[in-house]
Amino acid sequence: MASLKRFSLVFILDYLIAFPFYLLFPVTVTGYALPNVQPLMYELNPMIYAGITTVDPLDNCFPSLHAALIFSALLVIYTTNLRRYRVFLTLVFPTIVFATLYLGVHWVTDIAAGMTLSVFTFWIANHYCEQIMDCANAAAVGIERSIGIEEMVVCTTCMCQIAVAPHLRCVKCPRCGAVIEHDVM
């Protein structure tokens, strides 16, 4: 479970950090920026070009999220004992990087920056995962309470009723200090 939390946190941080770069510093795909490079993916067929440009304006992000996300997955999976996935990601990572460069989607600097971003977010997730999750949990509880989503739980020790945010597994009774566990939907 800790690996899944770390995995999720690394991905979220990758996106949160890269998103402002995407908005403020869009990068033209190499196939249209360099005069001697033929953009293979875009000019094979007009239908392919039309399909791609309906969802992609042919600008990408520095750092490359293609590289960042797969490298993040690789870093996290190496902290687990899931050997089969380690082998898979070890083979897939260079394949994705090669394809991204070969098809002219990203520059080499985008790939290097994406990998650097992954190392940074992986480090943050390893060192601050619990603190970040506690803050996120507190924010979720605050939102649930502010919009009136609460459940009533009865303390088995002092029989008082306690309002609890639905996703919390346990709560401490403010009157007697007993820890009350309840089912989370």
N, C-alpha and C. Protein backbone atom coordinates (compact mmCIF):
# COMPACT_ATOMS: atom_id res chain seq x y z
N MET A 1 0.82 -1.20 0.00
CA MET A 1 0.00 0.00 0.00
C MET A 1 0.86 1.26 0.00
N ALA A 2 1.98 1.22 0.72
CA ALA A 2 2.86 2.38 0.76
C ALA A 2 3.43 2.67 -0.62
N SER A 3 3.72 1.63 -1.39
CA SER A 3 4.25 1.83 -2.74
C SER A 3 3.21 2.47 -3.64
N LEU A 4 1.95 2.07 -3.47
CA LEU A 4 0.89 2.66 -4.28
C LEU A 4 0.70 4.13 -3.94
N LYS A 5 0.78 4.46 -2.65
CA LYS A 5 0.70 5.87 -2.25
C LYS A 5 1.85 6.66 -2.86
N ARG A 6 3.05 6.10 -2.76
CA ARG A 6 4.23 6.77 -3.30
C ARG A 6 4.11 6.94 -4.81
N PHE A 7 3.65 5.88 -5.48
CA PHE A 7 3.46 5.91 -6.92
C PHE A 7 2.48 7.01 -7.31
N SER A 8 1.36 7.08 -6.62
CA SER A 8 0.35 8.10 -6.91
C SER A 8 0.89 9.50 -6.65
N LEU A 9 1.58 9.65 -5.54
CA LEU A 9 2.12 10.96 -5.18
C LEU A 9 3.16 11.43 -6.20
N VAL A 10 4.03 10.54 -6.63
CA VAL A 10 5.05 10.90 -7.62
C VAL A 10 4.38 11.35 -8.92
N PHE A 11 3.36 10.62 -9.37
CA PHE A 11 2.67 11.00 -10.61
C PHE A 11 1.98 12.35 -10.47
N ILE A 12 1.31 12.56 -9.35
CA ILE A 12 0.63 13.84 -9.13
C ILE A 12 1.63 14.98 -9.11
N LEU A 13 2.74 14.79 -8.42
CA LEU A 13 3.77 15.83 -8.36
C LEU A 13 4.38 16.09 -9.74
N ASP A 14 4.60 15.02 -10.51
CA ASP A 14 5.11 15.21 -11.88
C ASP A 14 4.20 16.14 -12.67
N TYR A 15 2.91 15.86 -12.62
CA TYR A 15 1.95 16.69 -13.36
C TYR A 15 1.87 18.11 -12.81
N LEU A 16 1.81 18.23 -11.49
CA LEU A 16 1.68 19.57 -10.90
C LEU A 16 2.88 20.45 -11.21
N ILE A 17 4.06 19.87 -11.20
CA ILE A 17 5.26 20.66 -11.48
C ILE A 17 5.39 20.95 -12.97
N ALA A 18 5.04 20.00 -13.83
CA ALA A 18 5.21 20.18 -15.27
C ALA A 18 4.12 21.06 -15.89
N PHE A 19 2.95 21.11 -15.29
CA PHE A 19 1.83 21.84 -15.90
C PHE A 19 2.12 23.32 -16.15
N PRO A 20 2.69 24.05 -15.18
CA PRO A 20 3.01 25.46 -15.48
C PRO A 20 4.01 25.61 -16.63
N PHE A 21 4.95 24.68 -16.73
CA PHE A 21 5.91 24.72 -17.84
C PHE A 21 5.19 24.54 -19.17
N TYR A 22 4.23 23.62 -19.19
CA TYR A 22 3.46 23.38 -20.42
C TYR A 22 2.70 24.64 -20.84
N LEU A 23 2.12 25.31 -19.87
CA LEU A 23 1.36 26.52 -20.18
C LEU A 23 2.25 27.69 -20.58
N LEU A 24 3.35 27.86 -19.87
CA LEU A 24 4.19 29.04 -20.07
C LEU A 24 5.30 28.86 -21.11
N PHE A 25 5.78 27.63 -21.27
CA PHE A 25 6.90 27.38 -22.17
C PHE A 25 6.63 26.21 -23.10
N PRO A 26 5.64 26.32 -23.99
CA PRO A 26 5.39 25.20 -24.90
C PRO A 26 6.58 24.99 -25.84
N VAL A 27 6.84 23.75 -26.16
CA VAL A 27 7.98 23.39 -27.00
C VAL A 27 7.45 22.83 -28.31
N THR A 28 7.93 23.36 -29.41
CA THR A 28 7.53 22.85 -30.72
C THR A 28 8.15 21.47 -30.93
N VAL A 29 7.38 20.58 -31.52
CA VAL A 29 7.92 19.24 -31.77
C VAL A 29 9.10 19.35 -32.73
N THR A 30 10.08 18.49 -32.55
CA THR A 30 11.32 18.59 -33.33
C THR A 30 11.09 18.43 -34.81
N GLY A 31 10.09 17.66 -35.18
CA GLY A 31 9.81 17.43 -36.60
C GLY A 31 9.46 18.69 -37.36
N TYR A 32 8.98 19.72 -36.68
CA TYR A 32 8.63 20.96 -37.35
C TYR A 32 9.58 22.11 -37.03
N ALA A 33 10.54 21.88 -36.16
CA ALA A 33 11.47 22.94 -35.79
C ALA A 33 12.81 22.83 -36.53
N LEU A 34 13.21 21.62 -36.86
CA LEU A 34 14.49 21.42 -37.54
C LEU A 34 14.25 21.22 -39.03
N PRO A 35 15.01 21.90 -39.87
CA PRO A 35 14.75 21.84 -41.31
C PRO A 35 15.01 20.48 -41.95
N ASN A 36 15.95 19.70 -41.45
CA ASN A 36 16.29 18.43 -42.09
C ASN A 36 15.60 17.22 -41.46
N VAL A 37 14.72 17.45 -40.52
CA VAL A 37 14.04 16.35 -39.85
C VAL A 37 12.65 16.19 -40.45
N GLN A 38 12.36 14.98 -40.87
CA GLN A 38 11.03 14.71 -41.40
C GLN A 38 10.19 14.12 -40.27
N PRO A 39 9.09 14.75 -39.93
CA PRO A 39 8.26 14.26 -38.83
C PRO A 39 7.50 13.00 -39.25
N LEU A 40 8.05 11.85 -38.92
CA LEU A 40 7.51 10.58 -39.38
C LEU A 40 6.06 10.35 -38.96
N MET A 41 5.78 10.60 -37.72
CA MET A 41 4.46 10.27 -37.20
C MET A 41 3.37 11.15 -37.82
N TYR A 42 3.71 12.37 -38.15
CA TYR A 42 2.68 13.32 -38.56
C TYR A 42 2.39 13.30 -40.05
N GLU A 43 3.32 12.84 -40.85
CA GLU A 43 3.13 12.95 -42.29
C GLU A 43 3.02 11.61 -43.01
N LEU A 44 2.75 10.55 -42.28
CA LEU A 44 2.54 9.25 -42.93
C LEU A 44 1.25 9.24 -43.74
N ASN A 45 0.24 9.84 -43.18
CA ASN A 45 -1.07 9.80 -43.79
C ASN A 45 -1.84 11.04 -43.32
N PRO A 46 -2.58 11.69 -44.19
CA PRO A 46 -3.34 12.87 -43.77
C PRO A 46 -4.36 12.57 -42.65
N MET A 47 -4.89 11.35 -42.64
CA MET A 47 -5.83 10.99 -41.58
C MET A 47 -5.13 10.93 -40.22
N ILE A 48 -3.91 10.43 -40.20
CA ILE A 48 -3.14 10.38 -38.96
C ILE A 48 -2.87 11.80 -38.47
N TYR A 49 -2.46 12.66 -39.39
CA TYR A 49 -2.19 14.06 -39.03
C TYR A 49 -3.45 14.74 -38.49
N ALA A 50 -4.56 14.53 -39.16
CA ALA A 50 -5.82 15.15 -38.71
C ALA A 50 -6.23 14.60 -37.34
N GLY A 51 -6.05 13.31 -37.15
CA GLY A 51 -6.41 12.70 -35.87
C GLY A 51 -5.55 13.22 -34.73
N ILE A 52 -4.26 13.36 -34.99
CA ILE A 52 -3.35 13.84 -33.95
C ILE A 52 -3.60 15.31 -33.63
N THR A 53 -3.75 16.12 -34.66
CA THR A 53 -3.89 17.56 -34.42
C THR A 53 -5.25 17.95 -33.83
N THR A 54 -6.21 17.06 -33.83
CA THR A 54 -7.48 17.38 -33.16
C THR A 54 -7.31 17.37 -31.64
N VAL A 55 -6.34 16.61 -31.15
CA VAL A 55 -6.13 16.54 -29.70
C VAL A 55 -4.78 17.11 -29.26
N ASP A 56 -3.88 17.33 -30.21
CA ASP A 56 -2.53 17.79 -29.88
C ASP A 56 -2.15 18.93 -30.82
N PRO A 57 -1.90 20.11 -30.29
CA PRO A 57 -1.54 21.23 -31.16
C PRO A 57 -0.08 21.17 -31.64
N LEU A 58 0.55 20.03 -31.49
CA LEU A 58 1.94 19.80 -31.90
C LEU A 58 2.92 20.70 -31.15
N ASP A 59 2.59 20.97 -29.92
CA ASP A 59 3.58 21.54 -29.02
C ASP A 59 3.57 20.66 -27.78
N ASN A 60 4.69 20.54 -27.18
CA ASN A 60 4.81 19.65 -26.04
C ASN A 60 5.40 20.39 -24.86
N CYS A 61 5.72 19.64 -23.87
CA CYS A 61 6.11 20.21 -22.60
C CYS A 61 7.60 20.00 -22.33
N PHE A 62 8.21 21.01 -21.80
CA PHE A 62 9.53 20.86 -21.19
C PHE A 62 9.28 20.95 -19.70
N PRO A 63 9.54 19.95 -18.96
CA PRO A 63 10.15 18.65 -19.24
C PRO A 63 9.16 17.66 -19.85
N SER A 64 9.69 16.64 -20.47
CA SER A 64 8.86 15.63 -21.12
C SER A 64 8.14 14.77 -20.09
N LEU A 65 6.82 14.80 -20.15
CA LEU A 65 6.05 13.91 -19.27
C LEU A 65 6.09 12.47 -19.76
N HIS A 66 6.37 12.28 -21.06
CA HIS A 66 6.56 10.91 -21.55
C HIS A 66 7.69 10.25 -20.76
N ALA A 67 8.79 10.96 -20.65
CA ALA A 67 9.95 10.42 -19.93
C ALA A 67 9.72 10.44 -18.42
N ALA A 68 9.15 11.52 -17.92
CA ALA A 68 8.98 11.67 -16.47
C ALA A 68 8.08 10.59 -15.89
N LEU A 69 6.96 10.33 -16.52
CA LEU A 69 6.02 9.38 -15.94
C LEU A 69 6.53 7.94 -15.99
N ILE A 70 7.14 7.56 -17.10
CA ILE A 70 7.63 6.18 -17.18
C ILE A 70 8.86 6.00 -16.28
N PHE A 71 9.70 7.03 -16.17
CA PHE A 71 10.86 6.93 -15.29
C PHE A 71 10.41 6.95 -13.83
N SER A 72 9.37 7.70 -13.52
CA SER A 72 8.82 7.68 -12.16
C SER A 72 8.32 6.29 -11.81
N ALA A 73 7.61 5.68 -12.75
CA ALA A 73 7.12 4.32 -12.52
C ALA A 73 8.29 3.36 -12.30
N LEU A 74 9.34 3.54 -13.07
CA LEU A 74 10.52 2.69 -12.94
C LEU A 74 11.17 2.88 -11.57
N LEU A 75 11.31 4.12 -11.13
CA LEU A 75 11.92 4.38 -9.82
C LEU A 75 11.09 3.78 -8.69
N VAL A 76 9.79 3.95 -8.76
CA VAL A 76 8.93 3.43 -7.69
C VAL A 76 8.92 1.91 -7.70
N ILE A 77 8.86 1.30 -8.87
CA ILE A 77 8.77 -0.16 -8.93
C ILE A 77 10.05 -0.81 -8.42
N TYR A 78 11.18 -0.10 -8.51
CA TYR A 78 12.43 -0.65 -7.97
C TYR A 78 12.48 -0.61 -6.45
N THR A 79 11.51 0.03 -5.81
CA THR A 79 11.45 0.01 -4.34
C THR A 79 10.55 -1.13 -3.85
N THR A 80 9.97 -1.88 -4.77
CA THR A 80 9.09 -2.99 -4.41
C THR A 80 9.76 -4.32 -4.72
N ASN A 81 9.07 -5.39 -4.42
CA ASN A 81 9.59 -6.71 -4.77
C ASN A 81 8.85 -7.30 -5.98
N LEU A 82 8.30 -6.45 -6.81
CA LEU A 82 7.56 -6.88 -8.00
C LEU A 82 8.52 -7.05 -9.17
N ARG A 83 9.22 -8.15 -9.18
CA ARG A 83 10.30 -8.40 -10.14
C ARG A 83 9.81 -8.36 -11.59
N ARG A 84 8.67 -8.95 -11.85
CA ARG A 84 8.16 -9.01 -13.22
C ARG A 84 7.93 -7.60 -13.78
N TYR A 85 7.43 -6.69 -12.95
CA TYR A 85 7.19 -5.32 -13.41
C TYR A 85 8.49 -4.54 -13.56
N ARG A 86 9.46 -4.88 -12.74
CA ARG A 86 10.79 -4.25 -12.89
C ARG A 86 11.36 -4.56 -14.26
N VAL A 87 11.30 -5.82 -14.63
CA VAL A 87 11.82 -6.23 -15.93
C VAL A 87 11.05 -5.53 -17.04
N PHE A 88 9.73 -5.52 -16.93
CA PHE A 88 8.89 -4.89 -17.95
C PHE A 88 9.24 -3.41 -18.11
N LEU A 89 9.27 -2.68 -16.99
CA LEU A 89 9.54 -1.24 -17.08
C LEU A 89 10.97 -0.94 -17.49
N THR A 90 11.89 -1.81 -17.14
CA THR A 90 13.27 -1.63 -17.56
C THR A 90 13.38 -1.74 -19.08
N LEU A 91 12.54 -2.56 -19.68
CA LEU A 91 12.53 -2.67 -21.14
C LEU A 91 11.69 -1.57 -21.80
N VAL A 92 10.61 -1.20 -21.17
CA VAL A 92 9.70 -0.21 -21.76
C VAL A 92 10.28 1.20 -21.71
N PHE A 93 10.97 1.54 -20.63
CA PHE A 93 11.50 2.91 -20.49
C PHE A 93 12.38 3.32 -21.68
N PRO A 94 13.43 2.57 -22.01
CA PRO A 94 14.24 3.02 -23.16
C PRO A 94 13.47 2.98 -24.48
N THR A 95 12.50 2.09 -24.58
CA THR A 95 11.69 2.03 -25.80
C THR A 95 10.87 3.31 -25.97
N ILE A 96 10.25 3.76 -24.89
CA ILE A 96 9.45 4.99 -24.95
C ILE A 96 10.34 6.19 -25.22
N VAL A 97 11.48 6.25 -24.58
CA VAL A 97 12.40 7.37 -24.81
C VAL A 97 12.87 7.37 -26.27
N PHE A 98 13.25 6.21 -26.77
CA PHE A 98 13.69 6.13 -28.16
C PHE A 98 12.58 6.55 -29.11
N ALA A 99 11.38 6.03 -28.90
CA ALA A 99 10.26 6.36 -29.79
C ALA A 99 9.93 7.85 -29.73
N THR A 100 9.98 8.41 -28.55
CA THR A 100 9.69 9.84 -28.39
C THR A 100 10.69 10.69 -29.15
N LEU A 101 11.95 10.31 -29.09
CA LEU A 101 12.99 11.04 -29.82
C LEU A 101 12.91 10.76 -31.32
N TYR A 102 12.75 9.50 -31.68
CA TYR A 102 12.74 9.10 -33.08
C TYR A 102 11.58 9.72 -33.85
N LEU A 103 10.42 9.78 -33.20
CA LEU A 103 9.25 10.34 -33.86
C LEU A 103 9.21 11.87 -33.81
N GLY A 104 10.18 12.46 -33.17
CA GLY A 104 10.27 13.92 -33.15
C GLY A 104 9.29 14.58 -32.21
N VAL A 105 8.88 13.88 -31.17
CA VAL A 105 7.91 14.44 -30.24
C VAL A 105 8.60 15.34 -29.22
N HIS A 106 9.80 14.98 -28.80
CA HIS A 106 10.54 15.76 -27.80
C HIS A 106 12.00 15.92 -28.19
N TRP A 107 12.62 16.90 -27.57
CA TRP A 107 14.04 17.13 -27.69
C TRP A 107 14.75 16.32 -26.61
N VAL A 108 16.04 16.09 -26.78
CA VAL A 108 16.83 15.36 -25.79
C VAL A 108 16.80 16.09 -24.44
N THR A 109 16.84 17.41 -24.47
CA THR A 109 16.80 18.17 -23.22
C THR A 109 15.46 17.98 -22.49
N ASP A 110 14.38 17.81 -23.24
CA ASP A 110 13.08 17.55 -22.62
C ASP A 110 13.11 16.22 -21.87
N ILE A 111 13.73 15.22 -22.50
CA ILE A 111 13.83 13.89 -21.88
C ILE A 111 14.67 13.96 -20.61
N ALA A 112 15.83 14.62 -20.70
CA ALA A 112 16.71 14.73 -19.53
C ALA A 112 16.01 15.49 -18.40
N ALA A 113 15.30 16.54 -18.74
CA ALA A 113 14.58 17.30 -17.71
C ALA A 113 13.44 16.47 -17.12
N GLY A 114 12.79 15.67 -17.93
CA GLY A 114 11.73 14.79 -17.43
C GLY A 114 12.27 13.77 -16.44
N MET A 115 13.43 13.21 -16.75
CA MET A 115 14.05 12.25 -15.83
C MET A 115 14.49 12.94 -14.54
N THR A 116 14.99 14.16 -14.66
CA THR A 116 15.38 14.93 -13.47
C THR A 116 14.15 15.23 -12.62
N LEU A 117 13.07 15.60 -13.27
CA LEU A 117 11.81 15.83 -12.55
C LEU A 117 11.38 14.58 -11.80
N SER A 118 11.51 13.43 -12.43
CA SER A 118 11.14 12.17 -11.79
C SER A 118 11.97 11.90 -10.55
N VAL A 119 13.26 12.12 -10.66
CA VAL A 119 14.14 11.90 -9.50
C VAL A 119 13.74 12.84 -8.36
N PHE A 120 13.45 14.09 -8.70
CA PHE A 120 13.06 15.07 -7.69
C PHE A 120 11.74 14.70 -7.02
N THR A 121 10.73 14.36 -7.81
CA THR A 121 9.43 14.01 -7.22
C THR A 121 9.50 12.69 -6.46
N PHE A 122 10.33 11.78 -6.92
CA PHE A 122 10.52 10.52 -6.20
C PHE A 122 11.16 10.79 -4.84
N TRP A 123 12.12 11.69 -4.81
CA TRP A 123 12.77 12.05 -3.55
C TRP A 123 11.76 12.69 -2.60
N ILE A 124 10.95 13.61 -3.11
CA ILE A 124 9.91 14.25 -2.28
C ILE A 124 8.96 13.19 -1.74
N ALA A 125 8.51 12.29 -2.59
CA ALA A 125 7.56 11.26 -2.16
C ALA A 125 8.18 10.35 -1.10
N ASN A 126 9.45 10.03 -1.23
CA ASN A 126 10.10 9.16 -0.24
C ASN A 126 10.28 9.85 1.10
N HIS A 127 10.55 11.14 1.08
CA HIS A 127 10.84 11.85 2.32
C HIS A 127 9.62 12.50 2.97
N TYR A 128 8.63 12.85 2.18
CA TYR A 128 7.51 13.63 2.72
C TYR A 128 6.14 13.03 2.43
N CYS A 129 6.09 11.77 2.07
CA CYS A 129 4.82 11.14 1.69
C CYS A 129 3.78 11.24 2.80
N GLU A 130 4.15 10.85 4.00
CA GLU A 130 3.17 10.86 5.10
C GLU A 130 2.69 12.26 5.42
N GLN A 131 3.60 13.23 5.43
CA GLN A 131 3.19 14.61 5.72
C GLN A 131 2.25 15.14 4.64
N ILE A 132 2.55 14.85 3.38
CA ILE A 132 1.70 15.32 2.28
C ILE A 132 0.34 14.64 2.35
N MET A 133 0.34 13.34 2.63
CA MET A 133 -0.93 12.61 2.73
C MET A 133 -1.75 13.11 3.92
N ASP A 134 -1.09 13.43 5.03
CA ASP A 134 -1.81 13.97 6.19
C ASP A 134 -2.45 15.32 5.84
N CYS A 135 -1.71 16.17 5.13
CA CYS A 135 -2.27 17.47 4.71
C CYS A 135 -3.44 17.28 3.76
N ALA A 136 -3.30 16.36 2.81
CA ALA A 136 -4.38 16.10 1.86
C ALA A 136 -5.60 15.54 2.59
N ASN A 137 -5.36 14.67 3.55
CA ASN A 137 -6.45 14.10 4.33
C ASN A 137 -7.16 15.18 5.14
N ALA A 138 -6.39 16.06 5.77
CA ALA A 138 -6.97 17.15 6.55
C ALA A 138 -7.80 18.07 5.64
N ALA A 139 -7.29 18.33 4.45
CA ALA A 139 -8.04 19.17 3.50
C ALA A 139 -9.34 18.48 3.09
N ALA A 140 -9.27 17.17 2.84
CA ALA A 140 -10.48 16.43 2.45
C ALA A 140 -11.51 16.44 3.58
N VAL A 141 -11.04 16.26 4.80
CA VAL A 141 -11.96 16.29 5.95
C VAL A 141 -12.58 17.68 6.08
N GLY A 142 -11.77 18.72 5.91
CA GLY A 142 -12.29 20.08 5.99
C GLY A 142 -13.35 20.35 4.93
N ILE A 143 -13.10 19.87 3.73
CA ILE A 143 -14.08 20.05 2.64
C ILE A 143 -15.35 19.28 2.95
N GLU A 144 -15.19 18.03 3.40
CA GLU A 144 -16.37 17.23 3.72
C GLU A 144 -17.20 17.89 4.82
N ARG A 145 -16.54 18.39 5.82
CA ARG A 145 -17.27 19.04 6.92
C ARG A 145 -17.92 20.34 6.46
N SER A 146 -17.23 21.10 5.62
CA SER A 146 -17.79 22.39 5.19
C SER A 146 -19.03 22.22 4.31
N ILE A 147 -19.11 21.10 3.60
CA ILE A 147 -20.31 20.88 2.78
C ILE A 147 -21.31 19.95 3.46
N GLY A 148 -21.02 19.60 4.71
CA GLY A 148 -21.99 18.85 5.51
C GLY A 148 -21.99 17.35 5.32
N ILE A 149 -20.90 16.79 4.88
CA ILE A 149 -20.84 15.33 4.73
C ILE A 149 -20.19 14.76 5.99
N GLU A 150 -21.01 14.24 6.87
CA GLU A 150 -20.52 13.64 8.11
C GLU A 150 -21.37 12.44 8.48
N GLU A 151 -20.76 11.55 9.23
CA GLU A 151 -21.48 10.40 9.79
C GLU A 151 -21.41 10.51 11.30
N MET A 152 -22.41 9.99 11.95
CA MET A 152 -22.41 9.98 13.41
C MET A 152 -21.94 8.61 13.89
N VAL A 153 -20.99 8.61 14.80
CA VAL A 153 -20.45 7.39 15.38
C VAL A 153 -20.63 7.49 16.89
N VAL A 154 -20.97 6.37 17.53
CA VAL A 154 -21.16 6.35 18.97
C VAL A 154 -19.92 5.77 19.63
N CYS A 155 -19.39 6.49 20.60
CA CYS A 155 -18.24 6.01 21.37
C CYS A 155 -18.72 4.88 22.27
N THR A 156 -18.08 3.75 22.21
CA THR A 156 -18.50 2.60 23.01
C THR A 156 -18.09 2.74 24.48
N THR A 157 -17.18 3.65 24.78
CA THR A 157 -16.73 3.83 26.15
C THR A 157 -17.64 4.77 26.93
N CYS A 158 -17.88 5.97 26.38
CA CYS A 158 -18.67 6.96 27.11
C CYS A 158 -20.05 7.20 26.49
N MET A 159 -20.36 6.51 25.40
CA MET A 159 -21.66 6.56 24.73
C MET A 159 -22.02 7.93 24.14
N CYS A 160 -21.03 8.78 23.90
CA CYS A 160 -21.33 10.06 23.26
C CYS A 160 -21.31 9.89 21.74
N GLN A 161 -21.99 10.79 21.05
CA GLN A 161 -22.00 10.75 19.59
C GLN A 161 -20.94 11.69 19.05
N ILE A 162 -20.24 11.21 18.01
CA ILE A 162 -19.15 11.99 17.41
C ILE A 162 -19.41 12.09 15.91
N ALA A 163 -19.29 13.30 15.38
CA ALA A 163 -19.41 13.50 13.93
C ALA A 163 -18.07 13.18 13.29
N VAL A 164 -18.11 12.31 12.28
CA VAL A 164 -16.88 11.83 11.64
C VAL A 164 -16.99 12.02 10.13
N ALA A 165 -15.90 12.45 9.52
CA ALA A 165 -15.85 12.50 8.06
C ALA A 165 -15.89 11.06 7.54
N PRO A 166 -16.66 10.78 6.50
CA PRO A 166 -16.89 9.40 6.06
C PRO A 166 -15.65 8.59 5.71
N HIS A 167 -14.61 9.21 5.20
CA HIS A 167 -13.48 8.40 4.76
C HIS A 167 -12.47 8.10 5.86
N LEU A 168 -12.67 8.63 7.06
CA LEU A 168 -11.75 8.34 8.17
C LEU A 168 -12.08 6.97 8.77
N ARG A 169 -11.07 6.16 8.98
CA ARG A 169 -11.27 4.82 9.54
C ARG A 169 -11.45 4.86 11.05
N CYS A 170 -10.78 5.80 11.69
CA CYS A 170 -10.90 5.88 13.14
C CYS A 170 -10.85 7.34 13.58
N VAL A 171 -11.41 7.57 14.76
CA VAL A 171 -11.45 8.91 15.33
C VAL A 171 -11.26 8.79 16.84
N LYS A 172 -10.66 9.80 17.41
CA LYS A 172 -10.46 9.81 18.85
C LYS A 172 -11.62 10.55 19.51
N CYS A 173 -12.21 9.95 20.52
CA CYS A 173 -13.33 10.57 21.22
C CYS A 173 -12.84 11.80 21.97
N PRO A 174 -13.47 12.96 21.73
CA PRO A 174 -13.01 14.17 22.41
C PRO A 174 -13.32 14.16 23.91
N ARG A 175 -14.28 13.35 24.32
CA ARG A 175 -14.66 13.33 25.73
C ARG A 175 -13.77 12.39 26.55
N CYS A 176 -13.61 11.13 26.11
CA CYS A 176 -12.88 10.16 26.92
C CYS A 176 -11.53 9.76 26.32
N GLY A 177 -11.27 10.12 25.07
CA GLY A 177 -9.98 9.81 24.45
C GLY A 177 -9.89 8.43 23.81
N ALA A 178 -10.98 7.67 23.85
CA ALA A 178 -10.97 6.34 23.24
C ALA A 178 -10.90 6.45 21.72
N VAL A 179 -10.23 5.49 21.10
CA VAL A 179 -10.14 5.46 19.64
C VAL A 179 -11.28 4.59 19.12
N ILE A 180 -12.10 5.19 18.27
CA ILE A 180 -13.27 4.50 17.73
C ILE A 180 -13.03 4.22 16.26
N GLU A 181 -13.15 2.96 15.89
CA GLU A 181 -13.01 2.58 14.48
C GLU A 181 -14.39 2.37 13.90
N HIS A 182 -14.54 2.73 12.64
CA HIS A 182 -15.81 2.49 11.97
C HIS A 182 -15.55 2.09 10.53
N ASP A 183 -16.56 1.48 9.93
CA ASP A 183 -16.43 1.00 8.55
C ASP A 183 -16.42 2.17 7.59
N VAL A 184 -15.51 2.10 6.65
CA VAL A 184 -15.42 3.12 5.61
C VAL A 184 -16.03 2.54 4.35
N MET A 185 -16.91 3.28 3.74
CA MET A 185 -17.57 2.81 2.51
C MET A 185 -16.59 2.79 1.38
